[in-house]
Amino acid sequence: MITLKETRGGVTRRSILKASAMLAGAGAITKVTGFPAIAQEKVTLRYLSTAVNQAPAIAKKAGEDLGITIQYITSTTDDVTKRVITQPNSFDLVDTEYFALPKLLPSGNIMGLDAKKIKLADKIASVIRDGTVDGKKVGLDGTAPCEVLYLPDEQATEFSKEPTEFLTLIPTTYNADTLGIRPDLIKGKVDSWAALLDPKYKGRAATLNIPSIGIMDAAMAIEARGDMKYGDKGNMTRDEIDKTIAELIKAKRAGQFRAFWTDFNESVNLMASGEVVIQSMWSPAVTAVRTQGIPCTYQPLKEGYRGWASGFGLPVSIDGREKDAAYEFVNWFLSGWAGAYLARQGYYTAVLETTKEAMEPYEWAYWFEGKPAEKDIHAPDGKVMEKAGASRDGGSYDERMSHVACWNAVMDENIYMIRKWNEFIAA
């Protein structure tokens, strides 16, 4: 098997071209097979996303390989959505979550991506394409990517229920989220979402202040505690919202929460300082704490994970060389180097085969197969994150992703939910 092994300097253009030609001849995965003249015209792509979705190293590597300049536009999760709806001419590429699509698509500002122009479209992970892992269905509460992936045509404002040649977003990263804990500061076992509301962590728990996600973490905890059973945690009724918020207000007034974070760095600082010992957390935040030499576990829980997925979308206003360059960048992004870089933060990637080819075997075994590390595991910045012998929290890719219980979502009662959530924050 031909592999593309990444060095500290990265996969070279020559190595990609050489491997691409050999793979094509062998009938293997079709990789990016060259860099067109369009990319050599010094095109700039304005890339809109949250800060956590932006990686200067990826932008730099894309510039070296493609001649495309990535200009990051940083915004919050909610403001990314607002900008797509109100300022569609202000960006060329958006990296947003699939759960935002029910709000974005009706605006008419998102263009369907032509799968015929995406060289590895048919290799996108099955959990995104059809909601399965190793042939088994995962939980589909909320907005599962497979339910909002396809469009009838490029200009569609409604989703297709059947697979088509037009895609809403091309996946960038996805994951199975859970609670982060400080194992050195916690006594006893944490194996349930109910721990987020456990009074023994009073004043040392935190949750994220993004309403559509925060309320789902709360629902996981409340249902795990046995207080109520939800019909769909990602699409609650008003009565379910009222009861959820009432429980959150009760916990807040009892002093359960130390903080409500909205920014990735806030969650890192809260956990690294020891102010918080259990909280809603994101995988790269856990990585950031660990690279400081501080114990932090992304704790598997018996009720399963809350899944999410982000992807690239194009505004309907994009055209000409910017549009061609955007497709070239997306194809490059799926070709391996970017996937391997993001995998080292704990993310999962759209095309597993090319990510594997761009990683060392011991790295792949640790991050995706759940095996003990044969060598020290390094974060993307080169710092040692795990010593040899360590195993990834939650095990293998199949173990983690097959236990997704629900997905990030925008509820039918979203406006009402946000109003009630703000009552909780203000209580």
Protein backbone atom coordinates (compact mmCIF):
# COMPACT_ATOMS: atom_id res chain seq x y z
CA MET A 1 0.00 0.00 0.00
CA ILE A 2 1.24 3.47 -0.86
CA THR A 3 1.14 5.90 2.03
CA LEU A 4 1.76 9.59 2.50
CA LYS A 5 3.61 10.02 5.76
CA GLU A 6 3.66 13.52 7.17
CA THR A 7 6.87 14.96 8.49
CA ARG A 8 7.17 18.10 10.59
CA GLY A 9 7.53 19.93 7.29
CA GLY A 10 4.38 18.36 5.89
CA VAL A 11 3.54 16.34 2.81
CA THR A 12 5.21 17.91 -0.20
CA ARG A 13 3.45 18.79 -3.42
CA ARG A 14 5.75 16.40 -5.25
CA SER A 15 4.91 13.50 -2.91
CA ILE A 16 1.18 14.09 -3.35
CA LEU A 17 1.50 14.19 -7.13
CA LYS A 18 3.68 11.09 -7.23
CA ALA A 19 1.42 9.10 -4.91
CA SER A 20 -1.67 10.32 -6.76
CA ALA A 21 -0.39 9.01 -10.06
CA MET A 22 0.54 5.64 -8.58
CA LEU A 23 -2.75 5.30 -6.73
CA ALA A 24 -4.71 6.15 -9.85
CA GLY A 25 -2.82 3.47 -11.73
CA ALA A 26 -3.56 0.95 -8.99
CA GLY A 27 -7.27 1.75 -8.97
CA ALA A 28 -7.12 3.05 -5.41
CA ILE A 29 -8.63 6.22 -3.94
CA THR A 30 -8.49 9.13 -6.36
CA LYS A 31 -6.50 11.86 -4.69
CA VAL A 32 -5.93 15.48 -5.61
CA THR A 33 -3.96 15.11 -8.84
CA GLY A 34 -2.55 18.53 -9.46
CA PHE A 35 -2.86 22.19 -8.82
CA PRO A 36 -4.63 24.08 -11.59
CA ALA A 37 -3.71 27.42 -13.02
CA ILE A 38 -6.66 28.97 -11.22
CA ALA A 39 -4.98 28.33 -7.89
CA GLN A 40 -1.75 29.89 -9.11
CA GLU A 41 -3.45 33.23 -9.72
CA LYS A 42 -3.05 34.19 -6.05
CA VAL A 43 -6.70 33.82 -5.17
CA THR A 44 -7.82 34.88 -1.70
CA LEU A 45 -10.67 33.00 -0.04
CA ARG A 46 -12.44 34.70 2.86
CA TYR A 47 -13.08 31.83 5.29
CA LEU A 48 -15.87 32.44 7.81
CA SER A 49 -16.04 30.28 10.95
CA THR A 50 -15.61 30.19 14.70
CA ALA A 51 -12.08 30.48 16.07
CA VAL A 52 -11.94 26.80 16.99
CA ASN A 53 -12.46 25.86 13.32
CA GLN A 54 -9.50 27.96 12.17
CA ALA A 55 -5.99 26.57 11.92
CA PRO A 56 -3.21 28.88 10.72
CA ALA A 57 -1.09 25.82 9.93
CA ILE A 58 -3.73 24.56 7.50
CA ALA A 59 -4.00 27.99 5.88
CA LYS A 60 -0.21 28.11 5.51
CA LYS A 61 -0.01 24.63 4.01
CA ALA A 62 -2.84 25.39 1.57
CA GLY A 63 -0.98 28.50 0.50
CA GLU A 64 2.18 26.50 -0.15
CA ASP A 65 0.44 23.69 -2.04
CA LEU A 66 -2.23 25.61 -3.92
CA GLY A 67 -1.20 29.24 -4.05
CA ILE A 68 -4.49 30.12 -2.35
CA THR A 69 -4.52 32.65 0.48
CA ILE A 70 -6.93 31.79 3.29
CA GLN A 71 -8.19 34.90 5.06
CA TYR A 72 -9.93 33.91 8.27
CA ILE A 73 -13.04 35.76 9.44
CA THR A 74 -13.62 34.88 13.09
CA SER A 75 -17.10 34.89 14.59
CA THR A 76 -19.15 33.13 17.28
CA THR A 77 -21.35 30.14 16.44
CA ASP A 78 -24.55 32.21 16.39
CA ASP A 79 -22.94 35.11 14.55
CA VAL A 80 -21.69 32.83 11.77
CA THR A 81 -25.32 31.96 11.11
CA LYS A 82 -26.39 35.61 11.23
CA ARG A 83 -23.66 36.62 8.81
CA VAL A 84 -24.60 33.94 6.28
CA ILE A 85 -28.20 35.15 6.35
CA THR A 86 -27.57 38.91 6.40
CA GLN A 87 -24.17 39.37 4.69
CA PRO A 88 -23.79 36.58 2.11
CA ASN A 89 -21.37 38.67 0.02
CA SER A 90 -18.89 39.06 2.89
CA PHE A 91 -17.27 35.59 2.65
CA ASP A 92 -16.25 32.99 0.06
CA LEU A 93 -16.30 29.87 2.22
CA VAL A 94 -18.12 29.12 5.46
CA ASP A 95 -17.30 26.39 7.95
CA THR A 96 -20.46 25.88 9.95
CA GLU A 97 -22.29 23.09 11.74
CA TYR A 98 -24.87 20.92 10.04
CA PHE A 99 -27.36 21.81 12.75
CA ALA A 100 -27.40 25.41 11.45
CA LEU A 101 -28.59 24.35 7.99
CA PRO A 102 -32.35 24.41 8.75
CA LYS A 103 -31.87 28.14 9.42
CA LEU A 104 -29.37 28.82 6.63
CA LEU A 105 -30.85 26.98 3.66
CA PRO A 106 -34.24 28.78 3.51
CA SER A 107 -32.36 32.10 3.17
CA GLY A 108 -31.27 31.08 -0.32
CA ASN A 109 -27.72 32.19 0.50
CA ILE A 110 -26.06 28.75 0.51
CA MET A 111 -25.17 27.07 -2.78
CA GLY A 112 -25.40 23.33 -3.26
CA LEU A 113 -21.95 21.79 -3.76
CA ASP A 114 -21.63 19.70 -6.92
CA ALA A 115 -20.47 16.24 -5.83
CA LYS A 116 -19.03 15.66 -9.32
CA LYS A 117 -16.44 18.34 -8.52
CA ILE A 118 -15.53 16.75 -5.16
CA LYS A 119 -13.10 13.96 -6.00
CA LEU A 120 -13.65 11.98 -2.80
CA ALA A 121 -17.34 12.71 -2.26
CA ASP A 122 -18.17 9.00 -2.35
CA LYS A 123 -15.55 8.34 0.35
CA ILE A 124 -17.11 10.65 2.95
CA ALA A 125 -17.61 8.73 6.21
CA SER A 126 -20.82 6.73 6.44
CA VAL A 127 -21.86 8.35 9.74
CA ILE A 128 -22.22 11.60 7.77
CA ARG A 129 -23.67 10.11 4.58
CA ASP A 130 -26.28 7.77 6.03
CA GLY A 131 -26.03 7.82 9.84
CA THR A 132 -24.30 4.46 10.20
CA VAL A 133 -21.04 3.20 11.67
CA ASP A 134 -19.88 -0.22 10.52
CA GLY A 135 -23.35 -0.83 9.11
CA LYS A 136 -25.20 0.01 12.33
CA LYS A 137 -27.46 3.04 12.80
CA VAL A 138 -26.45 5.64 15.36
CA GLY A 139 -28.88 7.79 17.38
CA LEU A 140 -30.57 10.38 15.16
CA ASP A 141 -32.17 12.70 17.74
CA GLY A 142 -31.53 16.32 16.80
CA THR A 143 -30.17 17.31 13.38
CA ALA A 144 -28.22 14.32 12.10
CA PRO A 145 -25.95 15.28 9.16
CA CYS A 146 -27.43 12.57 6.93
CA GLU A 147 -30.84 14.25 7.24
CA VAL A 148 -29.62 17.61 5.90
CA LEU A 149 -26.80 16.55 3.57
CA TYR A 150 -28.51 16.42 0.18
CA LEU A 151 -30.19 19.00 -2.07
CA PRO A 152 -32.24 18.51 -5.25
CA ASP A 153 -30.14 21.11 -7.14
CA GLU A 154 -27.51 23.81 -6.72
CA GLN A 155 -29.98 26.60 -5.87
CA ALA A 156 -32.36 24.56 -3.67
CA THR A 157 -33.82 26.00 -0.47
CA GLU A 158 -35.23 22.68 0.75
CA PHE A 159 -33.46 19.42 1.60
CA SER A 160 -33.73 16.23 -0.40
CA LYS A 161 -34.79 13.11 1.46
CA GLU A 162 -32.85 10.96 -0.99
CA PRO A 163 -29.15 11.07 -1.91
CA THR A 164 -28.41 13.40 -4.84
CA GLU A 165 -25.38 14.92 -6.57
CA PHE A 166 -25.67 18.18 -4.63
CA LEU A 167 -24.45 18.50 -1.05
CA THR A 168 -25.14 21.18 1.53
CA LEU A 169 -21.76 20.97 3.26
CA ILE A 170 -18.57 18.98 2.77
CA PRO A 171 -17.49 17.75 6.23
CA THR A 172 -14.44 19.34 7.82
CA THR A 173 -14.56 17.84 11.31
CA TYR A 174 -17.00 15.95 13.51
CA ASN A 175 -16.91 14.28 16.89
CA ALA A 176 -18.75 12.58 19.70
CA ASP A 177 -18.86 15.08 22.57
CA THR A 178 -19.05 14.25 26.25
CA LEU A 179 -18.06 15.75 29.60
CA GLY A 180 -14.51 16.76 30.41
CA ILE A 181 -13.27 16.02 33.91
CA ARG A 182 -10.17 16.58 36.04
CA PRO A 183 -9.55 13.00 37.27
CA ASP A 184 -6.92 14.20 39.74
CA LEU A 185 -9.47 16.47 41.45
CA ILE A 186 -12.47 14.15 41.37
CA LYS A 187 -13.04 11.29 43.79
CA GLY A 188 -14.96 8.28 42.57
CA LYS A 189 -16.18 7.19 39.17
CA VAL A 190 -17.91 9.43 36.65
CA ASP A 191 -19.92 7.32 34.20
CA SER A 192 -23.13 9.27 33.59
CA TRP A 193 -24.23 12.64 32.22
CA ALA A 194 -26.08 13.02 35.54
CA ALA A 195 -22.74 13.97 37.11
CA LEU A 196 -23.00 17.44 35.54
CA LEU A 197 -25.82 18.20 37.99
CA ASP A 198 -24.51 16.16 40.92
CA PRO A 199 -24.42 18.38 44.07
CA LYS A 200 -21.06 16.93 45.07
CA TYR A 201 -19.56 19.09 42.29
CA LYS A 202 -21.37 22.19 43.51
CA GLY A 203 -19.52 25.33 42.49
CA ARG A 204 -17.04 23.36 40.39
CA ALA A 205 -19.18 22.47 37.38
CA ALA A 206 -19.60 24.47 34.18
CA THR A 207 -21.62 24.32 30.99
CA LEU A 208 -21.39 26.11 27.69
CA ASN A 209 -23.54 29.16 27.02
CA ILE A 210 -24.55 28.28 23.46
CA PRO A 211 -28.29 27.70 23.93
CA SER A 212 -28.90 25.07 21.25
CA ILE A 213 -26.00 22.93 22.54
CA GLY A 214 -26.13 23.75 26.24
CA ILE A 215 -29.76 22.70 26.56
CA MET A 216 -28.97 19.32 24.98
CA ASP A 217 -26.19 18.67 27.49
CA ALA A 218 -28.67 19.59 30.21
CA ALA A 219 -31.25 17.22 28.73
CA MET A 220 -28.71 14.39 28.67
CA ALA A 221 -28.02 15.03 32.38
CA ILE A 222 -31.68 15.40 33.38
CA GLU A 223 -32.76 12.27 31.51
CA ALA A 224 -29.80 10.32 32.91
CA ARG A 225 -30.86 11.39 36.41
CA GLY A 226 -34.28 9.91 35.74
CA ASP A 227 -36.25 13.16 36.04
CA MET A 228 -37.93 12.91 32.62
CA LYS A 229 -37.86 11.14 29.26
CA TYR A 230 -37.58 13.30 26.13
CA GLY A 231 -39.26 12.53 22.84
CA ASP A 232 -36.35 14.12 20.94
CA LYS A 233 -33.70 15.99 22.91
CA GLY A 234 -32.81 17.92 19.77
CA ASN A 235 -36.35 19.07 19.11
CA MET A 236 -38.10 19.58 22.43
CA THR A 237 -41.70 20.58 22.98
CA ARG A 238 -42.40 23.78 24.91
CA ASP A 239 -43.31 21.70 27.93
CA GLU A 240 -39.97 19.84 27.75
CA ILE A 241 -38.12 23.14 27.37
CA ASP A 242 -39.93 24.60 30.40
CA LYS A 243 -39.12 21.61 32.58
CA THR A 244 -35.48 21.55 31.45
CA ILE A 245 -34.95 25.23 32.16
CA ALA A 246 -36.70 24.90 35.53
CA GLU A 247 -34.21 22.20 36.55
CA LEU A 248 -31.28 24.31 35.35
CA ILE A 249 -32.47 27.36 37.27
CA LYS A 250 -32.91 25.22 40.36
CA ALA A 251 -29.35 23.92 40.03
CA LYS A 252 -27.94 27.39 39.37
CA ARG A 253 -29.61 28.90 42.41
CA ALA A 254 -28.20 26.05 44.48
CA GLY A 255 -24.70 27.12 43.36
CA GLN A 256 -23.99 24.19 41.03
CA PHE A 257 -22.27 26.15 38.27
CA ARG A 258 -18.96 27.98 38.51
CA ALA A 259 -19.23 29.41 35.00
CA PHE A 260 -21.00 29.44 31.65
CA TRP A 261 -18.45 29.57 28.85
CA THR A 262 -18.91 30.63 25.25
CA ASP A 263 -15.32 30.54 24.04
CA PHE A 264 -13.02 27.55 23.60
CA ASN A 265 -10.21 29.24 25.54
CA GLU A 266 -12.52 29.91 28.49
CA SER A 267 -13.20 26.19 28.83
CA VAL A 268 -9.46 25.44 28.70
CA ASN A 269 -8.63 28.00 31.37
CA LEU A 270 -11.44 26.89 33.67
CA MET A 271 -10.27 23.29 33.58
CA ALA A 272 -6.52 23.97 33.63
CA SER A 273 -6.84 26.28 36.65
CA GLY A 274 -8.84 23.71 38.61
CA GLU A 275 -11.70 26.16 39.15
CA VAL A 276 -13.86 23.60 37.36
CA VAL A 277 -13.53 19.82 37.64
CA ILE A 278 -16.41 18.76 35.39
CA GLN A 279 -17.94 20.55 32.43
CA SER A 280 -19.28 20.45 28.91
CA MET A 281 -16.15 20.36 26.80
CA TRP A 282 -14.79 19.99 23.27
CA SER A 283 -12.10 17.55 22.25
CA PRO A 284 -9.43 20.12 21.23
CA ALA A 285 -9.94 21.87 24.59
CA VAL A 286 -9.10 18.61 26.35
CA THR A 287 -6.02 18.35 24.12
CA ALA A 288 -5.02 21.92 25.06
CA VAL A 289 -5.25 21.14 28.79
CA ARG A 290 -3.24 17.95 28.44
CA THR A 291 -0.45 19.66 26.52
CA GLN A 292 0.03 21.83 29.62
CA GLY A 293 0.84 18.64 31.52
CA ILE A 294 -2.47 18.76 33.40
CA PRO A 295 -4.67 15.62 33.66
CA CYS A 296 -7.94 15.98 31.76
CA THR A 297 -10.22 13.19 30.58
CA TYR A 298 -12.87 13.25 27.87
CA GLN A 299 -15.05 10.90 29.86
CA PRO A 300 -17.08 8.14 28.15
CA LEU A 301 -20.59 8.01 29.64
CA LYS A 302 -23.08 5.15 29.62
CA GLU A 303 -25.87 7.17 27.99
CA GLY A 304 -23.72 7.87 24.93
CA TYR A 305 -22.38 10.95 23.21
CA ARG A 306 -23.77 14.16 21.74
CA GLY A 307 -22.60 14.23 18.14
CA TRP A 308 -21.85 17.20 15.95
CA ALA A 309 -20.38 17.86 12.53
CA SER A 310 -19.08 20.93 10.71
CA GLY A 311 -18.58 21.41 7.01
CA PHE A 312 -17.64 23.74 4.18
CA GLY A 313 -20.40 25.62 2.41
CA LEU A 314 -20.35 28.13 -0.44
CA PRO A 315 -22.36 31.35 -0.71
CA VAL A 316 -24.56 31.70 -3.80
CA SER A 317 -22.65 34.87 -4.65
CA ILE A 318 -19.34 33.07 -5.29
CA ASP A 319 -18.36 32.76 -8.95
CA GLY A 320 -15.47 32.69 -11.36
CA ARG A 321 -11.99 31.98 -10.12
CA GLU A 322 -13.00 32.23 -6.44
CA LYS A 323 -15.53 29.44 -6.97
CA ASP A 324 -12.98 27.28 -8.78
CA ALA A 325 -10.43 27.96 -6.05
CA ALA A 326 -12.96 27.05 -3.35
CA TYR A 327 -13.52 23.64 -4.96
CA GLU A 328 -9.77 23.15 -5.29
CA PHE A 329 -9.28 24.00 -1.61
CA VAL A 330 -12.04 21.59 -0.55
CA ASN A 331 -10.48 18.81 -2.63
CA TRP A 332 -7.08 19.54 -1.11
CA PHE A 333 -8.61 19.58 2.38
CA LEU A 334 -9.95 16.05 1.88
CA SER A 335 -6.68 14.72 0.46
CA GLY A 336 -5.03 13.89 3.79
CA TRP A 337 -2.70 16.50 5.26
CA ALA A 338 -5.41 18.67 6.83
CA GLY A 339 -7.26 15.60 8.09
CA ALA A 340 -4.15 14.28 9.84
CA TYR A 341 -3.46 17.69 11.37
CA LEU A 342 -6.99 17.88 12.80
CA ALA A 343 -6.97 14.25 13.92
CA ARG A 344 -4.08 15.12 16.22
CA GLN A 345 -6.45 17.46 18.05
CA GLY A 346 -8.91 14.61 18.57
CA TYR A 347 -11.26 15.43 15.70
CA TYR A 348 -12.64 12.93 13.22
CA THR A 349 -12.36 13.67 9.53
CA ALA A 350 -14.47 13.40 6.40
CA VAL A 351 -12.36 10.86 4.49
CA LEU A 352 -10.79 8.35 6.85
CA GLU A 353 -8.66 6.65 4.19
CA THR A 354 -6.66 9.73 3.25
CA THR A 355 -6.27 10.77 6.88
CA LYS A 356 -4.81 7.35 7.62
CA GLU A 357 -2.37 7.66 4.73
CA ALA A 358 -1.09 10.99 6.07
CA MET A 359 -0.50 9.70 9.62
CA GLU A 360 2.15 7.44 11.05
CA PRO A 361 0.75 3.95 11.77
CA TYR A 362 1.19 4.37 15.54
CA GLU A 363 -0.73 7.67 15.42
CA TRP A 364 -3.62 6.12 13.51
CA ALA A 365 -3.68 3.18 15.92
CA TYR A 366 -3.95 5.55 18.89
CA TRP A 367 -6.44 8.07 17.53
CA PHE A 368 -8.73 5.81 15.48
CA GLU A 369 -8.25 2.22 16.63
CA GLY A 370 -8.18 2.79 20.38
CA LYS A 371 -4.86 1.01 20.78
CA PRO A 372 -2.20 1.93 23.36
CA ALA A 373 0.31 4.36 21.90
CA GLU A 374 3.50 2.66 20.74
CA LYS A 375 5.32 6.01 20.95
CA ASP A 376 4.68 9.39 22.54
CA ILE A 377 1.67 11.15 21.01
CA HIS A 378 2.23 14.73 19.89
CA ALA A 379 -0.30 17.52 19.49
CA PRO A 380 -0.25 19.46 16.20
CA ASP A 381 2.18 22.00 17.67
CA GLY A 382 4.67 19.23 18.40
CA LYS A 383 4.19 19.15 22.17
CA VAL A 384 3.92 15.75 23.83
CA MET A 385 0.29 15.15 24.71
CA GLU A 386 0.39 11.49 25.76
CA LYS A 387 3.23 9.23 26.75
CA ALA A 388 3.75 5.86 25.12
CA GLY A 389 1.33 3.30 26.52
CA ALA A 390 -1.64 5.65 26.87
CA SER A 391 -4.97 4.89 25.20
CA ARG A 392 -7.51 7.35 23.82
CA ASP A 393 -10.52 8.18 25.98
CA GLY A 394 -13.55 6.28 24.72
CA GLY A 395 -11.61 3.82 22.61
CA SER A 396 -11.76 3.45 18.84
CA TYR A 397 -13.57 5.52 16.23
CA ASP A 398 -16.22 2.81 15.86
CA GLU A 399 -16.74 2.58 19.62
CA ARG A 400 -17.17 6.32 20.02
CA MET A 401 -19.18 7.24 16.94
CA SER A 402 -21.46 4.20 17.17
CA HIS A 403 -22.58 5.41 20.61
CA VAL A 404 -23.80 8.84 19.50
CA ALA A 405 -27.20 9.31 21.18
CA CYS A 406 -28.16 12.69 19.69
CA TRP A 407 -26.83 15.46 17.44
CA ASN A 408 -26.55 19.22 17.83
CA ALA A 409 -29.75 20.78 16.52
CA VAL A 410 -31.91 23.82 15.96
CA MET A 411 -35.34 23.12 17.43
CA ASP A 412 -38.69 23.98 15.89
CA GLU A 413 -39.22 25.99 19.07
CA ASN A 414 -35.79 27.60 18.79
CA ILE A 415 -36.90 31.19 19.47
CA TYR A 416 -38.87 30.13 22.53
CA MET A 417 -35.97 27.93 23.70
CA ILE A 418 -33.45 30.80 23.45
CA ARG A 419 -35.75 33.09 25.43
CA LYS A 420 -36.08 30.47 28.17
CA TRP A 421 -32.33 29.77 28.13
CA ASN A 422 -31.62 33.46 28.62
CA GLU A 423 -33.94 33.37 31.64
CA PHE A 424 -31.72 30.62 33.06
CA ILE A 425 -28.51 32.57 32.45
CA ALA A 426 -30.05 35.69 34.04
CA ALA A 427 -31.56 33.84 37.01
